[in-house]
Amino acid sequence: MSKTVYFLQGLAHDTDNWDEVIHYLPDSYRTITIDALSIGFEGDSFSFERAARELNERIESQTPSLICGLSYGSVIATHHAVLFPEQKHTYLLVAGQIHPPKIVTKPMRFFHPVVWKVIEWYAGKNVNYPQLKSSGF
């Protein structure tokens, strides 16, 4: 049976950022990228707990897998580990913060649309980004 690896990107990244990593994995690994920026929203509010629960719904089986999170993706992965410890997944977390200080989160809310515009420019495609109003972000 092959090992399944799930990848969650950072806030200012696209799932394509994992392509170079995936390229170096053995062919026996099954790789799935999940757009971390598309989970955790309900209307215009965001919750890391909701994101972790939606991540759990996207994990195709409860067989232990490797979940890799970069920055923002690692925060979602950490919340998943806390909410679903019985699943025995392995987590590779890079550059995440569990409780970012308010001095960081307030500018994040302000710059969130700017980050998405940079992603659009970089990707060369339009992105319908969600509006954030949650104090949980």
Protein backbone atom coordinates (compact mmCIF):
# COMPACT_ATOMS: atom_id res chain seq x y z
CA MET A 1 0.00 0.00 0.00
CA SER A 2 1.36 3.41 -0.93
CA LYS A 3 1.72 6.26 1.53
CA THR A 4 -0.59 9.24 0.94
CA VAL A 5 0.84 12.73 1.44
CA TYR A 6 -1.41 15.79 1.71
CA PHE A 7 0.03 19.26 1.08
CA LEU A 8 -1.35 22.59 2.37
CA GLN A 9 0.30 25.78 1.12
CA GLY A 10 0.94 29.09 2.85
CA LEU A 11 -1.22 32.22 2.71
CA ALA A 12 0.72 33.91 -0.10
CA HIS A 13 1.23 30.68 -2.05
CA ASP A 14 -0.53 28.47 -4.55
CA THR A 15 -0.80 24.68 -4.44
CA ASP A 16 1.66 24.65 -7.37
CA ASN A 17 4.39 25.65 -4.92
CA TRP A 18 4.51 22.01 -3.80
CA ASP A 19 5.28 20.71 -7.33
CA GLU A 20 9.06 20.71 -6.84
CA VAL A 21 8.74 18.80 -3.57
CA ILE A 22 6.33 16.30 -5.10
CA HIS A 23 8.72 15.80 -8.02
CA TYR A 24 11.36 14.38 -5.65
CA LEU A 25 9.07 11.94 -3.86
CA PRO A 26 9.14 8.28 -4.90
CA ASP A 27 6.45 7.25 -7.38
CA SER A 28 4.99 4.97 -4.71
CA TYR A 29 3.75 8.04 -2.79
CA ARG A 30 0.25 9.25 -3.57
CA THR A 31 0.27 13.06 -3.38
CA ILE A 32 -2.74 15.34 -2.93
CA THR A 33 -2.57 19.13 -2.76
CA ILE A 34 -5.41 20.84 -0.91
CA ASP A 35 -5.94 24.54 -1.44
CA ALA A 36 -5.60 25.80 2.13
CA LEU A 37 -7.08 29.13 1.08
CA SER A 38 -10.38 27.51 0.10
CA ILE A 39 -11.27 25.90 3.44
CA GLY A 40 -12.47 27.30 6.76
CA PHE A 41 -14.90 29.89 5.44
CA GLU A 42 -18.58 30.22 6.12
CA GLY A 43 -19.90 33.27 4.38
CA ASP A 44 -17.44 36.03 5.18
CA SER A 45 -16.14 34.52 8.43
CA PHE A 46 -13.16 32.23 8.90
CA SER A 47 -12.27 29.68 11.56
CA PHE A 48 -9.18 27.48 11.88
CA GLU A 49 -11.34 24.84 13.57
CA ARG A 50 -13.72 24.89 10.59
CA ALA A 51 -10.71 24.66 8.25
CA ALA A 52 -9.41 21.62 10.16
CA ARG A 53 -12.81 19.93 9.99
CA GLU A 54 -13.05 20.61 6.24
CA LEU A 55 -9.53 19.24 5.82
CA ASN A 56 -10.66 16.10 7.60
CA GLU A 57 -13.57 15.76 5.17
CA ARG A 58 -11.13 15.97 2.23
CA ILE A 59 -8.82 13.30 3.60
CA GLU A 60 -9.94 10.29 1.62
CA SER A 61 -9.42 7.62 4.27
CA GLN A 62 -8.61 7.50 7.91
CA THR A 63 -5.51 5.42 7.19
CA PRO A 64 -2.56 7.27 8.71
CA SER A 65 -1.11 9.67 6.15
CA LEU A 66 1.49 12.41 6.08
CA ILE A 67 0.06 15.94 6.21
CA CYS A 68 2.50 18.70 5.20
CA GLY A 69 1.68 22.30 5.99
CA LEU A 70 3.65 25.41 5.11
CA SER A 71 3.07 28.58 7.17
CA TYR A 72 -0.72 29.15 7.12
CA GLY A 73 -1.18 25.53 5.98
CA SER A 74 0.75 24.32 9.02
CA VAL A 75 -1.61 26.19 11.34
CA ILE A 76 -4.57 24.37 9.76
CA ALA A 77 -2.68 21.06 10.01
CA THR A 78 -1.93 21.72 13.70
CA HIS A 79 -5.59 22.36 14.43
CA HIS A 80 -6.39 19.11 12.60
CA ALA A 81 -3.90 17.20 14.78
CA VAL A 82 -5.50 18.60 17.93
CA LEU A 83 -9.09 17.89 16.83
CA PHE A 84 -8.46 14.40 15.43
CA PRO A 85 -5.66 12.77 17.48
CA GLU A 86 -7.19 9.32 17.10
CA GLN A 87 -6.37 9.31 13.38
CA LYS A 88 -2.63 8.90 13.98
CA HIS A 89 -1.49 10.97 11.00
CA THR A 90 2.09 12.23 10.79
CA TYR A 91 2.51 15.98 10.42
CA LEU A 92 5.32 17.94 8.81
CA LEU A 93 4.85 21.56 9.87
CA VAL A 94 6.99 24.35 8.45
CA ALA A 95 7.01 27.99 9.66
CA GLY A 96 3.65 28.03 11.41
CA GLN A 97 2.34 30.01 14.36
CA ILE A 98 -0.44 28.71 16.53
CA HIS A 99 -1.47 32.04 18.04
CA PRO A 100 -0.06 34.87 15.90
CA PRO A 101 0.19 38.12 17.88
CA LYS A 102 -2.46 40.77 17.20
CA ILE A 103 0.24 43.03 15.79
CA VAL A 104 0.46 40.46 12.96
CA THR A 105 -3.20 39.46 12.56
CA LYS A 106 -4.59 42.98 12.17
CA PRO A 107 -2.30 43.80 9.21
CA MET A 108 -3.08 40.33 7.77
CA ARG A 109 -6.76 41.25 7.59
CA PHE A 110 -5.88 44.52 5.87
CA PHE A 111 -3.37 43.01 3.43
CA HIS A 112 -5.33 39.84 2.66
CA PRO A 113 -6.90 41.32 -0.54
CA VAL A 114 -3.49 42.67 -1.56
CA VAL A 115 -1.92 39.23 -1.15
CA TRP A 116 -4.63 37.74 -3.36
CA LYS A 117 -3.99 40.38 -6.04
CA VAL A 118 -0.29 39.47 -5.98
CA ILE A 119 -1.25 35.78 -6.32
CA GLU A 120 -3.46 36.69 -9.31
CA TRP A 121 -0.64 38.61 -10.91
CA TYR A 122 1.88 35.85 -10.27
CA ALA A 123 -0.45 33.05 -11.42
CA GLY A 124 -1.71 35.01 -14.40
CA LYS A 125 -5.33 34.24 -13.58
CA ASN A 126 -8.24 35.83 -11.72
CA VAL A 127 -8.93 34.55 -8.23
CA ASN A 128 -12.21 35.05 -6.40
CA TYR A 129 -10.78 35.59 -2.95
CA PRO A 130 -12.91 35.36 0.20
CA GLN A 131 -13.42 38.45 2.34
CA LEU A 132 -12.27 38.00 5.93
CA LYS A 133 -14.01 39.57 8.91
CA SER A 134 -13.34 36.96 11.56
CA SER A 135 -11.42 37.81 14.72
CA GLY A 136 -10.11 34.23 14.54
CA PHE A 137 -7.76 35.10 11.67
